[in-house]
């Protein structure tokens, strides 16, 4: 496993990624687009990852996008430095900050489907 991938398997602070993150953009990304960006802030310069949402494990039920309150739980698979991983993140709508981590996926085919 790559050293960066290994470091990101520990839960740590994240922020919503993108050039100008907003609650409305998060709504669009978790809705129509089905693709989110999260940035791990405790790496040199930050590490921004984008991934398609796994709708079966993503939970938007605690989010009130209209009022900018609550939180979202997002998950999805990607490849980071040749390592198949699952990104797991919780993002607070009020701050667009939260906690995230990577989980190594044993089955690379699950990531590419």
Protein backbone atom coordinates (compact mmCIF):
# COMPACT_ATOMS: atom_id res chain seq x y z
CA UNK A 1 0.00 0.00 0.00
CA UNK A 2 1.22 3.48 -0.87
CA UNK A 3 2.36 5.63 2.10
CA UNK A 4 -0.19 8.40 1.42
CA UNK A 5 -2.99 5.86 1.09
CA UNK A 6 -1.95 4.29 4.37
CA UNK A 7 -1.91 7.66 6.18
CA UNK A 8 -5.41 8.44 4.90
CA UNK A 9 -6.83 5.21 6.34
CA UNK A 10 -6.88 6.96 9.73
CA UNK A 11 -9.90 9.16 10.45
CA UNK A 12 -8.93 12.80 10.08
CA UNK A 13 -10.31 16.27 9.29
CA UNK A 14 -11.70 16.92 5.82
CA UNK A 15 -13.48 19.76 4.07
CA UNK A 16 -15.74 19.71 1.07
CA UNK A 17 -13.52 19.96 -1.99
CA UNK A 18 -13.87 22.10 -5.08
CA UNK A 19 -12.95 25.62 -6.07
CA UNK A 20 -15.74 27.37 -4.17
CA UNK A 21 -17.60 24.86 -1.97
CA UNK A 22 -21.16 25.73 -0.97
CA UNK A 23 -24.12 23.87 0.49
CA UNK A 24 -25.87 24.23 -2.87
CA UNK A 25 -22.93 22.64 -4.67
CA UNK A 26 -22.92 19.79 -2.15
CA UNK A 27 -26.65 19.32 -2.79
CA UNK A 28 -26.01 19.11 -6.53
CA UNK A 29 -23.06 16.77 -6.12
CA UNK A 30 -24.92 14.38 -3.82
CA UNK A 31 -28.02 14.61 -5.98
CA UNK A 32 -27.91 14.89 -9.77
CA UNK A 33 -24.15 14.60 -10.26
CA UNK A 34 -23.60 11.70 -7.89
CA UNK A 35 -19.94 12.66 -7.60
CA UNK A 36 -18.34 14.40 -4.61
CA UNK A 37 -15.03 16.04 -3.81
CA UNK A 38 -13.46 15.90 -0.36
CA UNK A 39 -10.15 17.36 0.74
CA UNK A 40 -8.03 15.78 3.45
CA UNK A 41 -6.47 18.80 5.13
CA UNK A 42 -3.65 17.22 7.12
CA UNK A 43 -1.43 16.25 4.20
CA UNK A 44 1.19 18.54 2.69
CA UNK A 45 -0.91 20.98 0.65
CA UNK A 46 -4.04 18.92 1.22
CA UNK A 47 -5.22 15.92 -0.77
CA UNK A 48 -8.43 16.38 -2.74
CA UNK A 49 -10.19 13.24 -3.90
CA UNK A 50 -13.21 12.89 -6.14
CA UNK A 51 -15.36 9.79 -6.35
CA UNK A 52 -18.75 8.58 -7.57
CA UNK A 53 -21.22 8.11 -4.74
CA UNK A 54 -22.21 4.65 -3.65
CA UNK A 55 -25.90 5.41 -3.24
CA UNK A 56 -26.48 2.26 -1.17
CA UNK A 57 -24.17 3.45 1.64
CA UNK A 58 -24.53 7.24 1.31
CA UNK A 59 -26.96 8.79 3.83
CA UNK A 60 -28.51 12.20 3.19
CA UNK A 61 -31.41 11.73 5.64
CA UNK A 62 -29.88 13.99 8.33
CA UNK A 63 -29.23 16.88 5.91
CA UNK A 64 -31.42 19.96 5.52
CA UNK A 65 -29.91 21.58 2.43
CA UNK A 66 -32.47 24.41 2.41
CA UNK A 67 -31.41 25.57 5.88
CA UNK A 68 -27.75 24.47 5.63
CA UNK A 69 -27.98 22.28 8.72
CA UNK A 70 -27.38 18.64 9.53
CA UNK A 71 -24.83 16.36 7.95
CA UNK A 72 -24.27 13.99 5.06
CA UNK A 73 -22.52 10.64 5.09
CA UNK A 74 -20.90 9.87 1.74
CA UNK A 75 -19.04 6.83 0.48
CA UNK A 76 -17.56 5.80 -2.83
CA UNK A 77 -14.74 3.88 -4.46
CA UNK A 78 -11.68 5.17 -6.29
CA UNK A 79 -8.08 4.32 -7.07
CA UNK A 80 -5.39 6.31 -5.23
CA UNK A 81 -1.76 5.66 -6.20
CA UNK A 82 -2.71 2.24 -7.64
CA UNK A 83 -4.53 1.30 -4.41
CA UNK A 84 -8.25 0.50 -4.68
CA UNK A 85 -9.92 2.33 -1.81
CA UNK A 86 -13.29 3.40 -0.46
CA UNK A 87 -13.59 6.98 0.77
CA UNK A 88 -15.88 7.35 3.79
CA UNK A 89 -16.73 10.87 4.94
CA UNK A 90 -19.16 12.78 7.12
CA UNK A 91 -19.65 16.45 6.23
CA UNK A 92 -21.45 19.03 8.39
CA UNK A 93 -23.56 21.35 6.22
CA UNK A 94 -23.09 24.39 8.49
CA UNK A 95 -19.30 24.36 8.12
CA UNK A 96 -18.68 22.06 5.10
CA UNK A 97 -16.10 20.35 7.32
CA UNK A 98 -16.04 16.90 8.82
CA UNK A 99 -14.14 13.68 9.19
CA UNK A 100 -13.03 11.21 6.56
CA UNK A 101 -10.86 8.19 5.95
CA UNK A 102 -9.98 5.67 3.30
CA UNK A 103 -10.55 1.94 3.53
CA UNK A 104 -8.44 -0.38 1.40
CA UNK A 105 -10.65 -2.46 -0.87
CA UNK A 106 -9.40 -6.01 -1.35
CA UNK A 107 -11.35 -6.48 -4.56
CA UNK A 108 -10.15 -4.04 -7.23
CA UNK A 109 -13.06 -5.08 -9.47
CA UNK A 110 -15.45 -3.52 -6.95
CA UNK A 111 -13.76 -0.17 -7.52
CA UNK A 112 -13.93 -0.21 -11.31
CA UNK A 113 -17.56 -1.30 -11.68
